[in-house]
């Protein structure tokens, strides 16, 4: 079996009548068939990267608002933008709106603090 395969390979190598051209055409066909799915795969990867980056920046901005709100409550610095009242532990009706002093990911970020009531 192996001897017959070697004989066929030698016969094929000794006859130079356009076999390379056929081989190149087959390679071009296979490469062309793989090109479109490869581009689609790369495009999907780029879109996924953009979505991941946007969600990450949104998460960081939300975390910054939460941390700043907790700091303002802890150090009694919270004043509402919509009303002149300062934060009070027993004030269950006021909603405090505030903005961060610094931009987060080149965006101005604001937050709202209010009491949650459990039913």
PDB file of N, CA and C in Angstrom:
ATOM      1  N   UNK A   1       0.824  -1.184   0.000  1.00  0.00           N
ATOM      2  CA  UNK A   1       0.000   0.000   0.000  1.00  0.00           C
ATOM      3  C   UNK A   1       0.873   1.254   0.000  1.00  0.00           C
ATOM      4  N   UNK A   2       1.877   1.270   0.881  1.00  0.00           N
ATOM      5  CA  UNK A   2       2.756   2.432   0.967  1.00  0.00           C
ATOM      6  C   UNK A   2       3.592   2.535  -0.302  1.00  0.00           C
ATOM      7  N   UNK A   3       4.021   1.387  -0.810  1.00  0.00           N
ATOM      8  CA  UNK A   3       4.819   1.404  -2.043  1.00  0.00           C
ATOM      9  C   UNK A   3       4.004   1.953  -3.203  1.00  0.00           C
ATOM     10  N   UNK A   4       2.745   1.584  -3.258  1.00  0.00           N
ATOM     11  CA  UNK A   4       1.882   2.081  -4.349  1.00  0.00           C
ATOM     12  C   UNK A   4       1.687   3.593  -4.224  1.00  0.00           C
ATOM     13  N   UNK A   5       1.526   4.099  -3.000  1.00  0.00           N
ATOM     14  CA  UNK A   5       1.368   5.533  -2.793  1.00  0.00           C
ATOM     15  C   UNK A   5       2.643   6.283  -3.217  1.00  0.00           C
ATOM     16  N   UNK A   6       3.793   5.728  -2.877  1.00  0.00           N
ATOM     17  CA  UNK A   6       5.059   6.358  -3.261  1.00  0.00           C
ATOM     18  C   UNK A   6       5.206   6.361  -4.774  1.00  0.00           C
ATOM     19  N   UNK A   7       4.791   5.288  -5.428  1.00  0.00           N
ATOM     20  CA  UNK A   7       4.857   5.232  -6.888  1.00  0.00           C
ATOM     21  C   UNK A   7       3.937   6.289  -7.518  1.00  0.00           C
ATOM     22  N   UNK A   8       2.745   6.456  -6.993  1.00  0.00           N
ATOM     23  CA  UNK A   8       1.829   7.477  -7.508  1.00  0.00           C
ATOM     24  C   UNK A   8       2.395   8.878  -7.305  1.00  0.00           C
ATOM     25  N   UNK A   9       3.017   9.111  -6.151  1.00  0.00           N
ATOM     26  CA  UNK A   9       3.620  10.427  -5.894  1.00  0.00           C
ATOM     27  C   UNK A   9       4.759  10.686  -6.875  1.00  0.00           C
ATOM     28  N   UNK A  10       5.607   9.691  -7.130  1.00  0.00           N
ATOM     29  CA  UNK A  10       6.711   9.868  -8.080  1.00  0.00           C
ATOM     30  C   UNK A  10       6.189  10.120  -9.479  1.00  0.00           C
ATOM     31  N   UNK A  11       5.139   9.385  -9.855  1.00  0.00           N
ATOM     32  CA  UNK A  11       4.548   9.578 -11.182  1.00  0.00           C
ATOM     33  C   UNK A  11       3.971  10.985 -11.313  1.00  0.00           C
ATOM     34  N   UNK A  12       3.327  11.437 -10.252  1.00  0.00           N
ATOM     35  CA  UNK A  12       2.739  12.776 -10.251  1.00  0.00           C
ATOM     36  C   UNK A  12       3.829  13.846 -10.322  1.00  0.00           C
ATOM     37  N   UNK A  13       4.946  13.648  -9.590  1.00  0.00           N
ATOM     38  CA  UNK A  13       6.022  14.628  -9.572  1.00  0.00           C
ATOM     39  C   UNK A  13       6.788  14.656 -10.886  1.00  0.00           C
ATOM     40  N   UNK A  14       6.852  13.548 -11.581  1.00  0.00           N
ATOM     41  CA  UNK A  14       7.603  13.499 -12.839  1.00  0.00           C
ATOM     42  C   UNK A  14       6.835  14.132 -13.995  1.00  0.00           C
ATOM     43  N   UNK A  15       5.545  14.180 -13.923  1.00  0.00           N
ATOM     44  CA  UNK A  15       4.750  14.769 -15.007  1.00  0.00           C
ATOM     45  C   UNK A  15       4.422  16.219 -14.653  1.00  0.00           C
ATOM     46  N   UNK A  16       5.048  17.175 -15.341  1.00  0.00           N
ATOM     47  CA  UNK A  16       4.829  18.590 -15.095  1.00  0.00           C
ATOM     48  C   UNK A  16       3.940  19.137 -16.192  1.00  0.00           C
ATOM     49  N   UNK A  17       2.670  18.848 -16.123  1.00  0.00           N
ATOM     50  CA  UNK A  17       1.753  19.284 -17.170  1.00  0.00           C
ATOM     51  C   UNK A  17       0.606  20.120 -16.587  1.00  0.00           C
ATOM     52  N   UNK A  18       0.892  21.092 -15.695  1.00  0.00           N
ATOM     53  CA  UNK A  18      -0.127  21.987 -15.187  1.00  0.00           C
ATOM     54  C   UNK A  18      -0.720  21.599 -13.854  1.00  0.00           C
ATOM     55  N   UNK A  19      -0.119  20.631 -13.169  1.00  0.00           N
ATOM     56  CA  UNK A  19      -0.659  20.250 -11.873  1.00  0.00           C
ATOM     57  C   UNK A  19      -0.530  21.390 -10.866  1.00  0.00           C
ATOM     58  N   UNK A  20       0.504  22.174 -10.940  1.00  0.00           N
ATOM     59  CA  UNK A  20       0.696  23.283 -10.008  1.00  0.00           C
ATOM     60  C   UNK A  20      -0.408  24.321 -10.193  1.00  0.00           C
ATOM     61  N   UNK A  21      -0.799  24.540 -11.431  1.00  0.00           N
ATOM     62  CA  UNK A  21      -1.868  25.507 -11.706  1.00  0.00           C
ATOM     63  C   UNK A  21      -3.182  25.053 -11.069  1.00  0.00           C
ATOM     64  N   UNK A  22      -3.485  23.787 -11.176  1.00  0.00           N
ATOM     65  CA  UNK A  22      -4.705  23.253 -10.570  1.00  0.00           C
ATOM     66  C   UNK A  22      -4.628  23.378  -9.045  1.00  0.00           C
ATOM     67  N   UNK A  23      -3.448  23.084  -8.490  1.00  0.00           N
ATOM     68  CA  UNK A  23      -3.262  23.196  -7.051  1.00  0.00           C
ATOM     69  C   UNK A  23      -3.439  24.650  -6.589  1.00  0.00           C
ATOM     70  N   UNK A  24      -2.909  25.596  -7.338  1.00  0.00           N
ATOM     71  CA  UNK A  24      -3.047  27.014  -6.991  1.00  0.00           C
ATOM     72  C   UNK A  24      -4.512  27.439  -7.086  1.00  0.00           C
ATOM     73  N   UNK A  25      -5.222  26.980  -8.100  1.00  0.00           N
ATOM     74  CA  UNK A  25      -6.647  27.303  -8.213  1.00  0.00           C
ATOM     75  C   UNK A  25      -7.450  26.749  -7.043  1.00  0.00           C
ATOM     76  N   UNK A  26      -7.137  25.544  -6.622  1.00  0.00           N
ATOM     77  CA  UNK A  26      -7.825  24.950  -5.476  1.00  0.00           C
ATOM     78  C   UNK A  26      -7.534  25.767  -4.207  1.00  0.00           C
ATOM     79  N   UNK A  27      -6.270  26.164  -4.036  1.00  0.00           N
ATOM     80  CA  UNK A  27      -5.910  26.976  -2.865  1.00  0.00           C
ATOM     81  C   UNK A  27      -6.632  28.329  -2.895  1.00  0.00           C
ATOM     82  N   UNK A  28      -6.709  28.963  -4.045  1.00  0.00           N
ATOM     83  CA  UNK A  28      -7.426  30.225  -4.169  1.00  0.00           C
ATOM     84  C   UNK A  28      -8.907  30.056  -3.839  1.00  0.00           C
ATOM     85  N   UNK A  29      -9.505  28.978  -4.285  1.00  0.00           N
ATOM     86  CA  UNK A  29     -10.908  28.713  -3.997  1.00  0.00           C
ATOM     87  C   UNK A  29     -11.135  28.533  -2.495  1.00  0.00           C
ATOM     88  N   UNK A  30     -10.286  27.741  -1.862  1.00  0.00           N
ATOM     89  CA  UNK A  30     -10.413  27.522  -0.420  1.00  0.00           C
ATOM     90  C   UNK A  30     -10.188  28.838   0.335  1.00  0.00           C
ATOM     91  N   UNK A  31      -9.181  29.607  -0.067  1.00  0.00           N
ATOM     92  CA  UNK A  31      -8.919  30.895   0.573  1.00  0.00           C
ATOM     93  C   UNK A  31     -10.070  31.863   0.383  1.00  0.00           C
ATOM     94  N   UNK A  32     -10.653  31.902  -0.814  1.00  0.00           N
ATOM     95  CA  UNK A  32     -11.789  32.779  -1.073  1.00  0.00           C
ATOM     96  C   UNK A  32     -13.019  32.390  -0.267  1.00  0.00           C
ATOM     97  N   UNK A  33     -13.224  31.089  -0.084  1.00  0.00           N
ATOM     98  CA  UNK A  33     -14.365  30.640   0.709  1.00  0.00           C
ATOM     99  C   UNK A  33     -14.181  30.945   2.195  1.00  0.00           C
ATOM    100  N   UNK A  34     -12.937  31.015   2.648  1.00  0.00           N
ATOM    101  CA  UNK A  34     -12.678  31.302   4.051  1.00  0.00           C
ATOM    102  C   UNK A  34     -12.634  32.805   4.341  1.00  0.00           C
ATOM    103  N   UNK A  35     -12.479  33.633   3.318  1.00  0.00           N
ATOM    104  CA  UNK A  35     -12.281  35.062   3.510  1.00  0.00           C
ATOM    105  C   UNK A  35     -13.521  35.757   4.081  1.00  0.00           C
ATOM    106  N   UNK A  36     -14.693  35.496   3.541  1.00  0.00           N
ATOM    107  CA  UNK A  36     -15.919  36.158   4.000  1.00  0.00           C
ATOM    108  C   UNK A  36     -16.264  35.796   5.452  1.00  0.00           C
ATOM    109  N   UNK A  37     -16.232  34.531   5.849  1.00  0.00           N
ATOM    110  CA  UNK A  37     -16.496  34.231   7.268  1.00  0.00           C
ATOM    111  C   UNK A  37     -15.441  34.820   8.206  1.00  0.00           C
ATOM    112  N   UNK A  38     -14.201  34.890   7.749  1.00  0.00           N
ATOM    113  CA  UNK A  38     -13.157  35.476   8.570  1.00  0.00           C
ATOM    114  C   UNK A  38     -13.418  36.963   8.801  1.00  0.00           C
ATOM    115  N   UNK A  39     -13.813  37.690   7.770  1.00  0.00           N
ATOM    116  CA  UNK A  39     -14.148  39.107   7.931  1.00  0.00           C
ATOM    117  C   UNK A  39     -15.350  39.289   8.847  1.00  0.00           C
ATOM    118  N   UNK A  40     -16.341  38.429   8.713  1.00  0.00           N
ATOM    119  CA  UNK A  40     -17.513  38.500   9.582  1.00  0.00           C
ATOM    120  C   UNK A  40     -17.125  38.242  11.042  1.00  0.00           C
ATOM    121  N   UNK A  41     -16.267  37.276  11.256  1.00  0.00           N
ATOM    122  CA  UNK A  41     -15.797  36.958  12.609  1.00  0.00           C
ATOM    123  C   UNK A  41     -15.038  38.139  13.209  1.00  0.00           C
ATOM    124  N   UNK A  42     -14.183  38.789  12.416  1.00  0.00           N
ATOM    125  CA  UNK A  42     -13.437  39.939  12.893  1.00  0.00           C
ATOM    126  C   UNK A  42     -14.370  41.106  13.221  1.00  0.00           C
ATOM    127  N   UNK A  43     -15.390  41.322  12.397  1.00  0.00           N
ATOM    128  CA  UNK A  43     -16.355  42.395  12.639  1.00  0.00           C
ATOM    129  C   UNK A  43     -17.129  42.143  13.935  1.00  0.00           C
ATOM    130  N   UNK A  44     -17.530  40.922  14.161  1.00  0.00           N
ATOM    131  CA  UNK A  44     -18.235  40.573  15.388  1.00  0.00           C
ATOM    132  C   UNK A  44     -17.350  40.803  16.609  1.00  0.00           C
ATOM    133  N   UNK A  45     -16.089  40.460  16.497  1.00  0.00           N
ATOM    134  CA  UNK A  45     -15.149  40.693  17.595  1.00  0.00           C
ATOM    135  C   UNK A  45     -14.986  42.174  17.901  1.00  0.00           C
ATOM    136  N   UNK A  46     -14.915  43.011  16.868  1.00  0.00           N
ATOM    137  CA  UNK A  46     -14.799  44.456  17.083  1.00  0.00           C
ATOM    138  C   UNK A  46     -16.052  45.026  17.749  1.00  0.00           C
ATOM    139  N   UNK A  47     -17.221  44.611  17.285  1.00  0.00           N
ATOM    140  CA  UNK A  47     -18.476  45.091  17.878  1.00  0.00           C
ATOM    141  C   UNK A  47     -18.588  44.652  19.341  1.00  0.00           C
ATOM    142  N   UNK A  48     -18.195  43.445  19.634  1.00  0.00           N
ATOM    143  CA  UNK A  48     -18.230  42.953  21.007  1.00  0.00           C
ATOM    144  C   UNK A  48     -17.292  43.760  21.894  1.00  0.00           C
ATOM    145  N   UNK A  49     -16.135  44.106  21.370  1.00  0.00           N
ATOM    146  CA  UNK A  49     -15.194  44.928  22.115  1.00  0.00           C
ATOM    147  C   UNK A  49     -15.757  46.300  22.442  1.00  0.00           C
ATOM    148  N   UNK A  50     -16.438  46.924  21.466  1.00  0.00           N
ATOM    149  CA  UNK A  50     -17.046  48.238  21.712  1.00  0.00           C
ATOM    150  C   UNK A  50     -18.138  48.147  22.776  1.00  0.00           C
ATOM    151  N   UNK A  51     -18.978  47.125  22.688  1.00  0.00           N
ATOM    152  CA  UNK A  51     -20.053  46.966  23.674  1.00  0.00           C
ATOM    153  C   UNK A  51     -19.459  46.745  25.061  1.00  0.00           C
ATOM    154  N   UNK A  52     -18.445  45.910  25.161  1.00  0.00           N
ATOM    155  CA  UNK A  52     -17.807  45.635  26.442  1.00  0.00           C
ATOM    156  C   UNK A  52     -17.198  46.909  27.024  1.00  0.00           C
ATOM    157  N   UNK A  53     -16.537  47.691  26.180  1.00  0.00           N
ATOM    158  CA  UNK A  53     -15.931  48.937  26.652  1.00  0.00           C
ATOM    159  C   UNK A  53     -16.985  49.926  27.137  1.00  0.00           C
ATOM    160  N   UNK A  54     -18.097  50.061  26.406  1.00  0.00           N
ATOM    161  CA  UNK A  54     -19.164  50.980  26.818  1.00  0.00           C
ATOM    162  C   UNK A  54     -19.798  50.544  28.132  1.00  0.00           C
ATOM    163  N   UNK A  55     -20.059  49.260  28.282  1.00  0.00           N
ATOM    164  CA  UNK A  55     -20.644  48.770  29.527  1.00  0.00           C
ATOM    165  C   UNK A  55     -19.683  48.965  30.705  1.00  0.00           C
ATOM    166  N   UNK A  56     -18.395  48.788  30.472  1.00  0.00           N
ATOM    167  CA  UNK A  56     -17.414  48.982  31.525  1.00  0.00           C
ATOM    168  C   UNK A  56     -17.367  50.433  31.969  1.00  0.00           C
ATOM    169  N   UNK A  57     -17.380  51.371  31.021  1.00  0.00           N
ATOM    170  CA  UNK A  57     -17.356  52.789  31.405  1.00  0.00           C
ATOM    171  C   UNK A  57     -18.637  53.182  32.130  1.00  0.00           C
ATOM    172  N   UNK A  58     -19.774  52.625  31.732  1.00  0.00           N
ATOM    173  CA  UNK A  58     -21.021  52.897  32.450  1.00  0.00           C
ATOM    174  C   UNK A  58     -20.958  52.366  33.884  1.00  0.00           C
ATOM    175  N   UNK A  59     -20.391  51.194  34.045  1.00  0.00           N
ATOM    176  CA  UNK A  59     -20.260  50.607  35.380  1.00  0.00           C
ATOM    177  C   UNK A  59     -19.344  51.448  36.259  1.00  0.00           C
ATOM    178  N   UNK A  60     -18.239  51.927  35.713  1.00  0.00           N
ATOM    179  CA  UNK A  60     -17.328  52.779  36.471  1.00  0.00           C
ATOM    180  C   UNK A  60     -18.002  54.084  36.864  1.00  0.00           C
ATOM    181  N   UNK A  61     -18.791  54.671  35.964  1.00  0.00           N
ATOM    182  CA  UNK A  61     -19.489  55.915  36.284  1.00  0.00           C
ATOM    183  C   UNK A  61     -20.508  55.687  37.396  1.00  0.00           C
ATOM    184  N   UNK A  62     -21.253  54.591  37.326  1.00  0.00           N
ATOM    185  CA  UNK A  62     -22.234  54.284  38.374  1.00  0.00           C
ATOM    186  C   UNK A  62     -21.543  54.060  39.714  1.00  0.00           C
ATOM    187  N   UNK A  63     -20.417  53.373  39.698  1.00  0.00           N
ATOM    188  CA  UNK A  63     -19.682  53.141  40.925  1.00  0.00           C
ATOM    189  C   UNK A  63     -19.173  54.462  41.505  1.00  0.00           C
ATOM    190  N   UNK A  64     -18.725  55.365  40.644  1.00  0.00           N
ATOM    191  CA  UNK A  64     -18.244  56.670  41.115  1.00  0.00           C
ATOM    192  C   UNK A  64     -19.371  57.461  41.769  1.00  0.00           C
ATOM    193  N   UNK A  65     -20.582  57.404  41.198  1.00  0.00           N
ATOM    194  CA  UNK A  65     -21.726  58.117  41.781  1.00  0.00           C
ATOM    195  C   UNK A  65     -22.073  57.542  43.154  1.00  0.00           C
ATOM    196  N   UNK A  66     -22.073  56.235  43.275  1.00  0.00           N
ATOM    197  CA  UNK A  66     -22.399  55.594  44.548  1.00  0.00           C
ATOM    198  C   UNK A  66     -21.367  55.962  45.612  1.00  0.00           C
ATOM    199  N   UNK A  67     -20.100  55.878  45.254  1.00  0.00           N
ATOM    200  CA  UNK A  67     -19.053  56.211  46.219  1.00  0.00           C
ATOM    201  C   UNK A  67     -19.121  57.680  46.630  1.00  0.00           C
ATOM    202  N   UNK A  68     -19.370  58.574  45.675  1.00  0.00           N
ATOM    203  CA  UNK A  68     -19.457  59.993  45.999  1.00  0.00           C
ATOM    204  C   UNK A  68     -20.679  60.274  46.871  1.00  0.00           C
ATOM    205  N   UNK A  69     -21.797  59.636  46.586  1.00  0.00           N
ATOM    206  CA  UNK A  69     -22.993  59.805  47.406  1.00  0.00           C
ATOM    207  C   UNK A  69     -22.773  59.337  48.838  1.00  0.00           C
ATOM    208  N   UNK A  70     -22.104  58.199  49.000  1.00  0.00           N
ATOM    209  CA  UNK A  70     -21.822  57.705  50.351  1.00  0.00           C
ATOM    210  C   UNK A  70     -20.873  58.652  51.082  1.00  0.00           C
ATOM    211  N   UNK A  71     -19.895  59.195  50.363  1.00  0.00           N
ATOM    212  CA  UNK A  71     -18.972  60.136  50.985  1.00  0.00           C
ATOM    213  C   UNK A  71     -19.709  61.393  51.430  1.00  0.00           C
ATOM    214  N   UNK A  72     -20.603  61.892  50.584  1.00  0.00           N
ATOM    215  CA  UNK A  72     -21.347  63.107  50.925  1.00  0.00           C
ATOM    216  C   UNK A  72     -22.254  62.879  52.135  1.00  0.00           C
ATOM    217  N   UNK A  73     -22.863  61.725  52.241  1.00  0.00           N
ATOM    218  CA  UNK A  73     -23.696  61.417  53.412  1.00  0.00           C
ATOM    219  C   UNK A  73     -22.825  61.288  54.656  1.00  0.00           C
ATOM    220  N   UNK A  74     -21.711  60.594  54.537  1.00  0.00           N
ATOM    221  CA  UNK A  74     -20.844  60.357  55.695  1.00  0.00           C
ATOM    222  C   UNK A  74     -20.295  61.668  56.262  1.00  0.00           C
ATOM    223  N   UNK A  75     -19.899  62.583  55.398  1.00  0.00           N
ATOM    224  CA  UNK A  75     -19.291  63.829  55.863  1.00  0.00           C
ATOM    225  C   UNK A  75     -20.266  65.003  55.855  1.00  0.00           C
ATOM    226  N   UNK A  76     -21.550  64.713  55.770  1.00  0.00           N
ATOM    227  CA  UNK A  76     -22.606  65.718  55.873  1.00  0.00           C
ATOM    228  C   UNK A  76     -22.412  66.865  54.876  1.00  0.00           C
ATOM    229  N   UNK A  77     -22.127  66.498  53.645  1.00  0.00           N
ATOM    230  CA  UNK A  77     -21.895  67.482  52.587  1.00  0.00           C
ATOM    231  C   UNK A  77     -23.017  67.492  51.562  1.00  0.00           C
ATOM    232  N   UNK A  78     -24.027  66.662  51.731  1.00  0.00           N
ATOM    233  CA  UNK A  78     -25.054  66.488  50.705  1.00  0.00           C
ATOM    234  C   UNK A  78     -26.075  67.611  50.766  1.00  0.00           C
ATOM    235  N   UNK A  79     -26.180  68.344  49.667  1.00  0.00           N
ATOM    236  CA  UNK A  79     -27.211  69.353  49.497  1.00  0.00           C
ATOM    237  C   UNK A  79     -27.887  69.095  48.168  1.00  0.00           C
ATOM    238  N   UNK A  80     -29.187  69.173  48.168  1.00  0.00           N
ATOM    239  CA  UNK A  80     -29.950  68.872  46.967  1.00  0.00           C
ATOM    240  C   UNK A  80     -29.835  70.011  45.970  1.00  0.00           C
ATOM    241  N   UNK A  81     -29.741  69.689  44.708  1.00  0.00           N
ATOM    242  CA  UNK A  81     -29.746  70.705  43.664  1.00  0.00           C
ATOM    243  C   UNK A  81     -31.144  71.279  43.483  1.00  0.00           C
ATOM    244  N   UNK A  82     -32.169  70.479  43.758  1.00  0.00           N
ATOM    245  CA  UNK A  82     -33.544  70.917  43.523  1.00  0.00           C
ATOM    246  C   UNK A  82     -34.177  71.581  44.748  1.00  0.00           C
ATOM    247  N   UNK A  83     -33.637  71.355  45.942  1.00  0.00           N
ATOM    248  CA  UNK A  83     -34.182  71.998  47.134  1.00  0.00           C
ATOM    249  C   UNK A  83     -33.029  72.413  48.043  1.00  0.00           C
ATOM    250  N   UNK A  84     -33.212  73.466  48.852  1.00  0.00           N
ATOM    251  CA  UNK A  84     -32.112  73.964  49.687  1.00  0.00           C
ATOM    252  C   UNK A  84     -31.846  73.145  50.946  1.00  0.00           C
ATOM    253  N   UNK A  85     -32.598  72.085  51.181  1.00  0.00           N
ATOM    254  CA  UNK A  85     -32.431  71.300  52.401  1.00  0.00           C
ATOM    255  C   UNK A  85     -31.154  70.471  52.359  1.00  0.00           C
ATOM    256  N   UNK A  86     -30.540  70.331  53.506  1.00  0.00           N
ATOM    257  CA  UNK A  86     -29.399  69.436  53.623  1.00  0.00           C
ATOM    258  C   UNK A  86     -29.898  68.059  54.044  1.00  0.00           C
ATOM    259  N   UNK A  87     -29.021  67.099  53.997  1.00  0.00           N
ATOM    260  CA  UNK A  87     -29.380  65.713  54.305  1.00  0.00           C
ATOM    261  C   UNK A  87     -29.711  65.551  55.780  1.00  0.00           C
ATOM    262  N   UNK A  88     -30.795  64.836  56.035  1.00  0.00           N
ATOM    263  CA  UNK A  88     -31.187  64.502  57.396  1.00  0.00           C
ATOM    264  C   UNK A  88     -31.573  63.034  57.425  1.00  0.00           C
ATOM    265  N   UNK A  89     -31.166  62.356  58.467  1.00  0.00           N
ATOM    266  CA  UNK A  89     -31.441  60.924  58.585  1.00  0.00           C
ATOM    267  C   UNK A  89     -32.938  60.652  58.663  1.00  0.00           C
ATOM    268  N   UNK A  90     -33.703  61.576  59.212  1.00  0.00           N
ATOM    269  CA  UNK A  90     -35.132  61.348  59.440  1.00  0.00           C
ATOM    270  C   UNK A  90     -36.015  61.988  58.380  1.00  0.00           C
ATOM    271  N   UNK A  91     -35.441  62.533  57.349  1.00  0.00           N
ATOM    272  CA  UNK A  91     -36.220  63.137  56.266  1.00  0.00           C
ATOM    273  C   UNK A  91     -36.453  62.059  55.207  1.00  0.00           C
ATOM    274  N   UNK A  92     -37.664  61.497  55.205  1.00  0.00           N
ATOM    275  CA  UNK A  92     -37.951  60.373  54.316  1.00  0.00           C
ATOM    276  C   UNK A  92     -38.547  60.805  52.987  1.00  0.00           C
ATOM    277  N   UNK A  93     -38.839  62.066  52.802  1.00  0.00           N
ATOM    278  CA  UNK A  93     -39.538  62.512  51.600  1.00  0.00           C
ATOM    279  C   UNK A  93     -38.653  63.228  50.593  1.00  0.00           C
ATOM    280  N   UNK A  94     -37.575  63.838  51.018  1.00  0.00           N
ATOM    281  CA  UNK A  94     -36.749  64.629  50.109  1.00  0.00           C
ATOM    282  C   UNK A  94     -35.900  63.720  49.234  1.00  0.00           C
ATOM    283  N   UNK A  95     -35.762  64.132  47.993  1.00  0.00           N
ATOM    284  CA  UNK A  95     -34.878  63.447  47.050  1.00  0.00           C
ATOM    285  C   UNK A  95     -33.702  64.383  46.807  1.00  0.00           C
ATOM    286  N   UNK A  96     -32.494  63.891  47.006  1.00  0.00           N
ATOM    287  CA  UNK A  96     -31.306  64.717  46.834  1.00  0.00           C
ATOM    288  C   UNK A  96     -30.655  64.392  45.497  1.00  0.00           C
ATOM    289  N   UNK A  97     -30.574  65.394  44.643  1.00  0.00           N
ATOM    290  CA  UNK A  97     -29.886  65.273  43.361  1.00  0.00           C
ATOM    291  C   UNK A  97     -28.516  65.928  43.506  1.00  0.00           C
ATOM    292  N   UNK A  98     -27.513  65.311  42.959  1.00  0.00           N
ATOM    293  CA  UNK A  98     -26.177  65.903  43.039  1.00  0.00           C
ATOM    294  C   UNK A  98     -25.389  65.538  41.792  1.00  0.00           C
ATOM    295  N   UNK A  99     -24.358  66.317  41.522  1.00  0.00           N
ATOM    296  CA  UNK A  99     -23.459  66.066  40.405  1.00  0.00           C
ATOM    297  C   UNK A  99     -22.051  65.882  40.941  1.00  0.00           C
ATOM    298  N   UNK A 100     -21.283  65.052  40.276  1.00  0.00           N
ATOM    299  CA  UNK A 100     -19.894  64.868  40.667  1.00  0.00           C
ATOM    300  C   UNK A 100     -19.090  66.087  40.243  1.00  0.00           C
ATOM    301  N   UNK A 101     -18.099  66.444  41.062  1.00  0.00           N
ATOM    302  CA  UNK A 101     -17.276  67.606  40.759  1.00  0.00           C
ATOM    303  C   UNK A 101     -16.362  67.351  39.562  1.00  0.00           C
ATOM    304  N   UNK A 102     -15.934  66.128  39.398  1.00  0.00           N
ATOM    305  CA  UNK A 102     -15.024  65.792  38.303  1.00  0.00           C
ATOM    306  C   UNK A 102     -15.739  64.892  37.300  1.00  0.00           C
ATOM    307  N   UNK A 103     -15.291  64.976  36.057  1.00  0.00           N
ATOM    308  CA  UNK A 103     -15.856  64.137  35.005  1.00  0.00           C
ATOM    309  C   UNK A 103     -15.337  62.706  35.160  1.00  0.00           C
ATOM    310  N   UNK A 104     -16.198  61.760  34.890  1.00  0.00           N
ATOM    311  CA  UNK A 104     -15.828  60.345  34.907  1.00  0.00           C
ATOM    312  C   UNK A 104     -15.857  59.863  33.471  1.00  0.00           C
ATOM    313  N   UNK A 105     -14.722  59.391  32.980  1.00  0.00           N
ATOM    314  CA  UNK A 105     -14.597  58.945  31.586  1.00  0.00           C
ATOM    315  C   UNK A 105     -15.053  60.035  30.616  1.00  0.00           C
ATOM    316  N   UNK A 106     -14.660  61.256  30.897  1.00  0.00           N
ATOM    317  CA  UNK A 106     -14.979  62.430  30.076  1.00  0.00           C
ATOM    318  C   UNK A 106     -16.470  62.696  29.972  1.00  0.00           C
ATOM    319  N   UNK A 107     -17.231  62.272  30.942  1.00  0.00           N
ATOM    320  CA  UNK A 107     -18.676  62.509  30.983  1.00  0.00           C
ATOM    321  C   UNK A 107     -19.035  63.140  32.321  1.00  0.00           C
ATOM    322  N   UNK A 108     -19.978  64.083  32.303  1.00  0.00           N
ATOM    323  CA  UNK A 108     -20.515  64.624  33.547  1.00  0.00           C
ATOM    324  C   UNK A 108     -21.530  63.637  34.101  1.00  0.00           C
ATOM    325  N   UNK A 109     -21.376  63.291  35.363  1.00  0.00           N
ATOM    326  CA  UNK A 109     -22.202  62.257  35.968  1.00  0.00           C
ATOM    327  C   UNK A 109     -22.977  62.868  37.130  1.00  0.00           C
ATOM    328  N   UNK A 110     -24.245  62.493  37.245  1.00  0.00           N
ATOM    329  CA  UNK A 110     -25.076  62.964  38.342  1.00  0.00           C
ATOM    330  C   UNK A 110     -25.773  61.771  38.992  1.00  0.00           C
ATOM    331  N   UNK A 111     -26.239  61.991  40.222  1.00  0.00           N
ATOM    332  CA  UNK A 111     -26.905  60.921  40.945  1.00  0.00           C
ATOM    333  C   UNK A 111     -28.061  61.441  41.766  1.00  0.00           C
ATOM    334  N   UNK A 112     -28.852  60.521  42.257  1.00  0.00           N
ATOM    335  CA  UNK A 112     -30.020  60.848  43.088  1.00  0.00           C
ATOM    336  C   UNK A 112     -30.010  59.933  44.299  1.00  0.00           C
ATOM    337  N   UNK A 113     -30.255  60.538  45.463  1.00  0.00           N
ATOM    338  CA  UNK A 113     -30.328  59.754  46.698  1.00  0.00           C
ATOM    339  C   UNK A 113     -31.713  59.948  47.292  1.00  0.00           C
ATOM    340  N   UNK A 114     -32.347  58.851  47.626  1.00  0.00           N
ATOM    341  CA  UNK A 114     -33.652  58.910  48.284  1.00  0.00           C
ATOM    342  C   UNK A 114     -33.790  57.664  49.151  1.00  0.00           C
ATOM    343  N   UNK A 115     -34.722  57.718  50.092  1.00  0.00           N
ATOM    344  CA  UNK A 115     -34.982  56.571  50.944  1.00  0.00           C
ATOM    345  C   UNK A 115     -35.801  55.557  50.188  1.00  0.00           C
ATOM    346  N   UNK A 116     -35.518  54.293  50.431  1.00  0.00           N
ATOM    347  CA  UNK A 116     -36.338  53.211  49.908  1.00  0.00           C
ATOM    348  C   UNK A 116     -37.276  52.755  51.012  1.00  0.00           C
ATOM    349  N   UNK A 117     -38.530  52.600  50.655  1.00  0.00           N
ATOM    350  CA  UNK A 117     -39.474  52.099  51.631  1.00  0.00           C
ATOM    351  C   UNK A 117     -39.789  50.657  51.319  1.00  0.00           C
ATOM    352  N   UNK A 118     -39.793  49.841  52.335  1.00  0.00           N
ATOM    353  CA  UNK A 118     -40.103  48.427  52.152  1.00  0.00           C
ATOM    354  C   UNK A 118     -41.533  48.187  52.533  1.00  0.00           C
ATOM    355  N   UNK A 119     -42.196  47.411  51.743  1.00  0.00           N
ATOM    356  CA  UNK A 119     -43.611  47.131  51.997  1.00  0.00           C
ATOM    357  C   UNK A 119     -43.783  45.704  52.429  1.00  0.00           C
TER     358      UNK A 119
END
